[in-house]
Structures are given as structure tokens and as C-alpha cells.
Amino acid sequence: MQTEVDKIGIEQLRLLVVAQAGDAFTLYISAIDQATGDLKAAEAKAAKQTQLAFEILIALAVVVGTPLTASAAAALAGPALQAKIATTLATQADRILTTAGVKNTVPITNAILETATKDSVIRLAKSYSTSDAQRITGEAIKSFSKTVSVGGHDDVDACALDYVKQIKIAATASKTVLNGVVAGATNFSQLLQVYFSFLPENTGKYYEGLTKQIALFKTNVAPMIVKKARLKAEGNLDENDPDRLYAGENVVKMNAFGRMRFARIDFSPARSPSHQSHAKLSFCGLDTSRGRGRGEGLETAGA
């Protein structure tokens, strides 16, 4: 009977994960709408048709928790989770007994089911595997990475508004992919990891994360898009040489994160003779090694 309880418990946890992830993405979409409202003043400019489009690889600001420790996994599989799973088990008592081949021979009570549920969840939690958790964490993170197309507007806020709207479209697609990841989870460890990632305390800062992401876009990516959009409008954009740098562009092209990218240079002079000057490279996308006007990432690195 315990084996059947384990199976049903895992499936119930899967349902809980899907529901919790759904709630989290609802919060994320709400945060996107709030961020869109912050850029409302740019709507008229963003509505103008553009002659350029830039593809940018983004990572949605959805938190995926790092693998739990054994003690954290045990704590997470405590009374609250046990009670949620026991609720479903109570409706499937006949199925459990029938599968176990003891229907009508073993009386089953709520107390027995509660004990069986507690034993099942605790035992499954003790088998928590960090490698399994890392595997599904990697799959979840992949589902949050999407390539979006941003219009080549001649205004930073208009580019940002288009960017945010594309994030919303990407988020909807990512949720569909995540559902498939959860459906493909094969054990309790993987499901517990995703369950942890979408607990309410881990989903309350989506707007804060989005605003930081948008600020980085406006600083590192949008100015280059605006520059090229204006050059295009003036007839001065050399479309036969997408790698060309123009006057006023404080950027270099370098191999970073596995491919050639443009990076903006921020130079900080030494504060005193005893300190060293340093430069910070902000990788701003617009990676033309894959074709004209393509971009990739918002990564930053110090140098």
C-alpha cells in the first residue's frame, strides 16, 4: 500500500507545482503590466513603424531556486505539504486498497491515511537528490531564456516599451515550456525543487527584478539601437557592414560568453596614485556574427 501512496503523493505534488507556477506567472505578468505602465509616455513613439529590428536573447526575471540542502528539503516536506497531499489521498482510498489487493480486508481511516502520507513524504524527502534538482533547475532556466525582436526606434524609452511587451509574450511561451518540464519530472526531488522555487516568498520581487532588467536594457542596449535607427533614418547606416562602429560609440567588439559581442566601456579613473584605474565592460548585445542587427544578452563583466 505504501508504494501506491508514494505514487499518488508524487502526482499530487506535480499538480501542486503546476498550480503554484501558474500563480507565480500570473504575478510576473502583473509585474510586466506595471512596468509597461511606467513607460506609458513612450507609447506614441513606440507605435511608429520601424525599418529595423534587433533580436535579443533575454532571461526572464523569474527566480529559480538553487538546489536545497538535505535539511531544507526535509523542512519543506513538513506538515503543510503533507496536509495538501493527504487531502487528495483521502479521496483515493478505494484505489489505493484495490491496487494493493487488500480492498474489503483492511479497514482504512483518515488517521491511517494521514500516517501513510506523512511517512511517504518524509521518506521521499530523505531521498532528495541535489543532482536531480540541478537537472530540473537547468531545464527550467532554459525555458526562461527567449529570443525577442525589438523595434529600432529612435527613442530609448520607446525601445524599452517594445522590449517589455516582448517580455510579456516570451513569458507566456515560457510558462507552456515549463509545464512540459514539470510533466517530465520523474521523481520527488525534481518536483520538490520546482515547488520551492515558486513558493510565495520567492515570487514577491518580480517587479523589482524587472525594473533592474529594464534599466540595464536602457543603459546597455537601447542607446545602440537608437544610434542605428537614427543613422538609418538619415541614410548613413552602412548596412553592408553590420560590424562597423560609428563616431560616439564607446564600444569594442570582443569574444565573450562563447561568441563575438559588442561591449560598452565604462572607464573609472584611479581615485589616487595608490589605486588602479579600471574599466567595466557591459555586454550590450547587437551581436552581428549571426546576421545583421542581431543581439544577445544583458550580461555584464568587470575587467
Protein backbone atom coordinates (compact mmCIF):
# COMPACT_ATOMS: atom_id res chain seq x y z
CA MET A 1 0.00 0.00 0.00
CA GLN A 2 2.84 2.40 0.80
CA THR A 3 4.15 2.15 -2.77
CA GLU A 4 0.78 3.30 -4.12
CA VAL A 5 0.70 6.12 -1.58
CA ASP A 6 4.13 7.22 -2.83
CA LYS A 7 2.96 7.25 -6.44
CA ILE A 8 -0.17 9.26 -5.69
CA GLY A 9 1.82 11.59 -3.45
CA ILE A 10 4.26 12.38 -6.25
CA GLU A 11 1.44 13.05 -8.71
CA GLN A 12 -0.29 15.31 -6.21
CA LEU A 13 2.94 17.23 -5.72
CA ARG A 14 3.14 17.61 -9.51
CA LEU A 15 -0.34 19.17 -9.52
CA LEU A 16 0.65 21.50 -6.69
CA VAL A 17 3.75 22.58 -8.64
CA VAL A 18 1.72 23.35 -11.78
CA ALA A 19 -0.78 25.39 -9.77
CA GLN A 20 1.92 27.25 -7.86
CA ALA A 21 3.90 28.01 -11.02
CA GLY A 22 0.69 29.29 -12.60
CA ASP A 23 0.17 31.67 -9.69
CA ALA A 24 3.78 32.82 -9.96
CA PHE A 25 3.48 33.59 -13.67
CA THR A 26 0.25 35.49 -13.01
CA LEU A 27 2.23 37.67 -10.59
CA TYR A 28 5.02 38.03 -13.15
CA ILE A 29 2.62 39.12 -15.90
CA SER A 30 1.13 41.62 -13.44
CA ALA A 31 4.63 42.98 -12.78
CA ILE A 32 5.20 43.28 -16.54
CA ASP A 33 1.96 45.24 -16.88
CA GLN A 34 3.10 47.54 -14.08
CA ALA A 35 6.46 48.06 -15.80
CA THR A 36 4.63 48.74 -19.08
CA GLY A 37 2.61 51.42 -17.31
CA ASP A 38 5.84 53.08 -16.18
CA LEU A 39 6.71 53.60 -19.85
CA LYS A 40 3.26 54.83 -20.90
CA ALA A 41 4.65 58.20 -22.02
CA ALA A 42 6.59 56.44 -24.79
CA GLU A 43 3.55 54.76 -26.33
CA ALA A 44 3.17 57.18 -29.24
CA LYS A 45 6.81 56.83 -30.28
CA ALA A 46 6.76 53.07 -29.82
CA ALA A 47 3.69 52.81 -32.05
CA LYS A 48 5.60 54.20 -35.03
CA GLN A 49 6.62 51.61 -37.61
CA THR A 50 10.35 50.97 -37.72
CA GLN A 51 12.67 49.93 -40.51
CA LEU A 52 15.00 47.97 -38.25
CA ALA A 53 14.52 45.11 -35.80
CA PHE A 54 17.02 43.70 -33.35
CA GLU A 55 16.89 40.20 -31.93
CA ILE A 56 17.99 39.96 -28.31
CA LEU A 57 18.33 36.91 -26.11
CA ILE A 58 16.70 37.64 -22.76
CA ALA A 59 16.36 35.81 -19.47
CA LEU A 60 13.00 36.30 -17.79
CA ALA A 61 13.25 37.70 -14.27
CA VAL A 62 11.69 34.56 -12.81
CA VAL A 63 13.61 33.17 -9.85
CA VAL A 64 14.61 29.51 -9.94
CA GLY A 65 15.79 28.41 -6.52
CA THR A 66 19.22 26.86 -6.11
CA PRO A 67 19.20 23.19 -5.04
CA LEU A 68 18.07 22.68 -1.48
CA THR A 69 20.16 21.26 1.32
CA ALA A 70 19.01 17.98 2.84
CA SER A 71 17.70 19.77 5.93
CA ALA A 72 15.86 22.38 3.83
CA ALA A 73 14.26 19.64 1.74
CA ALA A 74 13.10 17.87 4.90
CA ALA A 75 11.68 21.11 6.32
CA LEU A 76 9.87 21.92 3.07
CA ALA A 77 8.28 18.45 3.11
CA GLY A 78 6.77 19.23 6.51
CA PRO A 79 3.20 19.31 7.85
CA ALA A 80 1.91 21.91 5.35
CA LEU A 81 2.91 19.87 2.29
CA GLN A 82 1.86 16.63 3.94
CA ALA A 83 -1.61 18.05 4.62
CA LYS A 84 -2.04 19.13 0.98
CA ILE A 85 -1.11 15.68 -0.30
CA ALA A 86 -3.22 13.90 2.34
CA THR A 87 -6.31 15.78 1.11
CA THR A 88 -6.04 14.04 -2.25
CA LEU A 89 -5.13 10.67 -0.79
CA ALA A 90 -8.29 10.72 1.31
CA THR A 91 -10.37 10.77 -1.89
CA GLN A 92 -8.49 7.81 -3.35
CA ALA A 93 -8.63 5.33 -0.51
CA ASP A 94 -10.52 2.74 -2.58
CA ARG A 95 -8.00 2.98 -5.41
CA ILE A 96 -5.10 2.50 -3.00
CA LEU A 97 -6.66 -0.57 -1.39
CA THR A 98 -7.68 -2.08 -4.73
CA THR A 99 -4.21 -1.62 -6.20
CA ALA A 100 -2.67 -3.10 -3.08
CA GLY A 101 -5.06 -6.07 -3.35
CA VAL A 102 -6.48 -5.62 0.14
CA LYS A 103 -9.81 -3.90 -0.52
CA ASN A 104 -12.58 -5.07 1.85
CA THR A 105 -9.99 -6.83 4.01
CA VAL A 106 -8.17 -3.88 5.56
CA PRO A 107 -10.17 -1.04 7.12
CA ILE A 108 -8.76 2.36 6.25
CA THR A 109 -9.33 5.53 8.24
CA ASN A 110 -8.27 9.14 7.87
CA ALA A 111 -5.77 8.57 10.64
CA ILE A 112 -4.17 5.70 8.70
CA LEU A 113 -4.04 7.80 5.54
CA GLU A 114 -2.51 10.74 7.37
CA THR A 115 0.17 8.48 8.84
CA ALA A 116 0.85 6.87 5.45
CA THR A 117 1.10 10.31 3.83
CA LYS A 118 3.47 11.61 6.50
CA ASP A 119 5.69 8.53 6.22
CA SER A 120 5.68 8.75 2.42
CA VAL A 121 6.56 12.43 2.18
CA ILE A 122 9.25 12.22 4.86
CA ARG A 123 10.84 9.17 3.25
CA LEU A 124 10.75 10.71 -0.23
CA ALA A 125 12.24 13.93 1.12
CA LYS A 126 15.10 12.00 2.69
CA SER A 127 15.95 10.69 -0.76
CA TYR A 128 16.26 14.27 -2.09
CA SER A 129 18.96 14.33 -4.77
CA THR A 130 20.92 17.51 -5.47
CA SER A 131 21.91 16.23 -8.92
CA ASP A 132 18.25 15.61 -9.81
CA ALA A 133 17.38 19.10 -8.51
CA GLN A 134 20.20 20.66 -10.57
CA ARG A 135 18.96 18.85 -13.67
CA ILE A 136 15.43 20.22 -13.50
CA THR A 137 16.72 23.65 -12.42
CA GLY A 138 18.77 23.77 -15.62
CA GLU A 139 15.76 22.77 -17.71
CA ALA A 140 13.60 25.40 -16.02
CA ILE A 141 16.18 28.13 -16.59
CA LYS A 142 16.36 27.19 -20.28
CA SER A 143 12.59 27.65 -20.50
CA PHE A 144 13.04 31.23 -19.24
CA SER A 145 15.51 32.19 -21.99
CA LYS A 146 13.93 33.52 -25.16
CA THR A 147 14.94 35.48 -28.22
CA VAL A 148 12.80 38.57 -28.70
CA SER A 149 12.67 41.10 -31.51
CA VAL A 150 12.83 44.77 -30.52
CA GLY A 151 11.98 47.52 -32.98
CA GLY A 152 14.67 50.00 -33.96
CA HIS A 153 13.11 53.15 -32.51
CA ASP A 154 14.96 56.46 -32.22
CA ASP A 155 13.97 56.84 -28.57
CA VAL A 156 15.33 54.87 -25.60
CA ASP A 157 12.00 54.64 -23.77
CA ALA A 158 10.20 53.56 -26.93
CA CYS A 159 12.74 50.74 -27.35
CA ALA A 160 12.26 49.82 -23.69
CA LEU A 161 8.47 49.72 -24.05
CA ASP A 162 8.75 47.43 -27.06
CA TYR A 163 11.21 45.30 -25.08
CA VAL A 164 8.80 44.94 -22.14
CA LYS A 165 5.94 43.97 -24.44
CA GLN A 166 8.14 41.29 -25.97
CA ILE A 167 9.00 40.01 -22.48
CA LYS A 168 5.29 39.50 -21.83
CA ILE A 169 4.91 37.43 -25.00
CA ALA A 170 8.02 35.43 -24.04
CA ALA A 171 6.67 34.83 -20.53
CA THR A 172 3.51 33.21 -21.87
CA ALA A 173 5.56 30.92 -24.09
CA SER A 174 7.93 30.09 -21.22
CA LYS A 175 5.07 29.01 -18.96
CA THR A 176 3.99 26.50 -21.60
CA VAL A 177 7.53 25.12 -21.81
CA LEU A 178 7.78 24.97 -18.01
CA ASN A 179 4.57 22.92 -17.87
CA GLY A 180 6.31 20.38 -20.08
CA VAL A 181 9.36 20.37 -17.80
CA VAL A 182 7.16 19.68 -14.77
CA ALA A 183 5.22 16.99 -16.63
CA GLY A 184 8.50 15.30 -17.48
CA ALA A 185 9.83 15.34 -13.91
CA THR A 186 10.45 11.75 -12.88
CA ASN A 187 10.93 11.92 -9.14
CA PHE A 188 10.07 13.68 -5.89
CA SER A 189 13.38 15.60 -5.74
CA GLN A 190 12.77 17.36 -9.04
CA LEU A 191 9.21 18.31 -8.18
CA LEU A 192 10.16 19.49 -4.70
CA GLN A 193 12.81 21.76 -6.22
CA VAL A 194 10.32 23.48 -8.55
CA TYR A 195 7.75 23.64 -5.74
CA PHE A 196 10.33 25.52 -3.65
CA SER A 197 11.14 27.93 -6.50
CA PHE A 198 7.54 29.10 -6.74
CA LEU A 199 6.69 29.47 -3.07
CA PRO A 200 5.07 32.88 -2.42
CA GLU A 201 8.13 34.17 -0.57
CA ASN A 202 10.21 33.55 -3.71
CA THR A 203 7.87 35.30 -6.15
CA GLY A 204 7.28 38.64 -4.47
CA LYS A 205 10.05 40.64 -6.12
CA TYR A 206 9.26 40.25 -9.79
CA TYR A 207 8.60 43.95 -10.35
CA GLU A 208 11.88 44.85 -8.65
CA GLY A 209 13.74 42.38 -10.87
CA LEU A 210 12.03 43.67 -14.00
CA THR A 211 12.84 47.30 -13.28
CA LYS A 212 16.52 46.40 -12.89
CA GLN A 213 16.42 44.40 -16.12
CA ILE A 214 14.77 47.27 -17.98
CA ALA A 215 17.28 49.75 -16.56
CA LEU A 216 20.13 47.60 -17.85
CA PHE A 217 18.48 47.42 -21.25
CA LYS A 218 18.07 51.20 -21.38
CA THR A 219 21.70 51.70 -20.40
CA ASN A 220 23.48 48.97 -22.32
CA VAL A 221 21.33 48.05 -25.31
CA ALA A 222 18.81 50.74 -26.22
CA PRO A 223 21.37 53.51 -26.95
CA MET A 224 22.98 51.38 -29.66
CA ILE A 225 19.58 50.59 -31.16
CA VAL A 226 18.67 54.29 -31.14
CA LYS A 227 22.01 55.20 -32.74
CA LYS A 228 21.50 52.78 -35.61
CA ALA A 229 17.85 53.76 -36.04
CA ARG A 230 18.85 57.41 -36.42
CA LEU A 231 21.65 56.55 -38.84
CA LYS A 232 19.14 54.54 -40.86
CA ALA A 233 16.70 57.45 -40.96
CA GLU A 234 19.49 59.78 -42.08
CA GLY A 235 20.62 57.36 -44.77
CA ASN A 236 24.02 56.97 -43.12
CA LEU A 237 23.75 53.38 -41.88
CA ASP A 238 26.19 51.11 -43.68
CA GLU A 239 24.01 48.01 -43.99
CA ASN A 240 26.73 46.17 -45.87
CA ASP A 241 28.98 46.34 -42.80
CA PRO A 242 26.92 45.47 -39.70
CA ASP A 243 30.10 45.38 -37.57
CA ARG A 244 31.01 48.97 -38.29
CA LEU A 245 31.39 51.31 -35.34
CA TYR A 246 30.35 54.94 -35.66
CA ALA A 247 31.57 58.18 -34.09
CA GLY A 248 30.46 58.50 -30.48
CA GLU A 249 30.02 54.76 -29.90
CA ASN A 250 32.08 53.92 -26.83
CA VAL A 251 32.18 50.20 -27.58
CA VAL A 252 34.54 47.43 -28.54
CA LYS A 253 33.90 44.10 -30.20
CA MET A 254 35.28 41.09 -28.38
CA ASN A 255 34.81 37.38 -27.82
CA ALA A 256 32.66 36.96 -24.72
CA PHE A 257 30.48 34.12 -23.45
CA GLY A 258 31.27 32.00 -26.48
CA ARG A 259 30.66 34.46 -29.33
CA MET A 260 31.63 37.87 -30.63
CA ARG A 261 29.72 40.71 -28.97
CA PHE A 262 29.77 44.46 -28.68
CA ALA A 263 30.61 45.75 -25.20
CA ARG A 264 30.21 49.28 -23.86
CA ILE A 265 33.22 50.60 -21.95
CA ASP A 266 32.83 52.48 -18.67
CA PHE A 267 36.21 53.79 -17.55
CA SER A 268 36.77 54.74 -13.91
CA PRO A 269 39.97 56.72 -13.28
CA ALA A 270 42.07 55.99 -10.22
CA ARG A 271 40.92 57.81 -7.10
CA SER A 272 44.54 58.30 -6.02
CA PRO A 273 48.05 57.29 -7.16
CA SER A 274 47.81 54.22 -4.93
CA HIS A 275 44.68 52.96 -6.68
CA GLN A 276 44.40 51.43 -10.12
CA SER A 277 42.11 52.66 -12.86
CA HIS A 278 39.64 50.08 -14.10
CA ALA A 279 37.15 49.57 -16.87
CA LYS A 280 33.79 47.83 -16.72
CA LEU A 281 32.57 46.10 -19.86
CA SER A 282 28.79 45.92 -20.25
CA PHE A 283 27.89 43.47 -22.98
CA CYS A 284 25.17 45.17 -24.91
CA GLY A 285 24.05 42.60 -27.44
CA LEU A 286 23.68 43.55 -31.07
CA ASP A 287 25.87 40.57 -31.91
CA THR A 288 26.21 40.74 -35.68
CA SER A 289 28.13 37.49 -36.03
CA ARG A 290 24.78 35.74 -36.56
CA GLY A 291 23.38 38.24 -39.04
CA ARG A 292 22.61 41.93 -39.36
CA GLY A 293 21.02 43.61 -36.38
CA ARG A 294 21.04 40.57 -34.07
CA GLY A 295 21.65 40.96 -30.41
CA GLU A 296 22.30 38.76 -27.47
CA GLY A 297 22.14 39.07 -23.72
CA LEU A 298 22.44 41.62 -20.98
CA GLU A 299 25.44 40.07 -19.28
CA THR A 300 27.99 42.31 -17.56
CA ALA A 301 31.56 41.60 -16.57
CA GLY A 302 34.32 43.51 -14.87
CA ALA A 303 37.72 43.97 -16.44
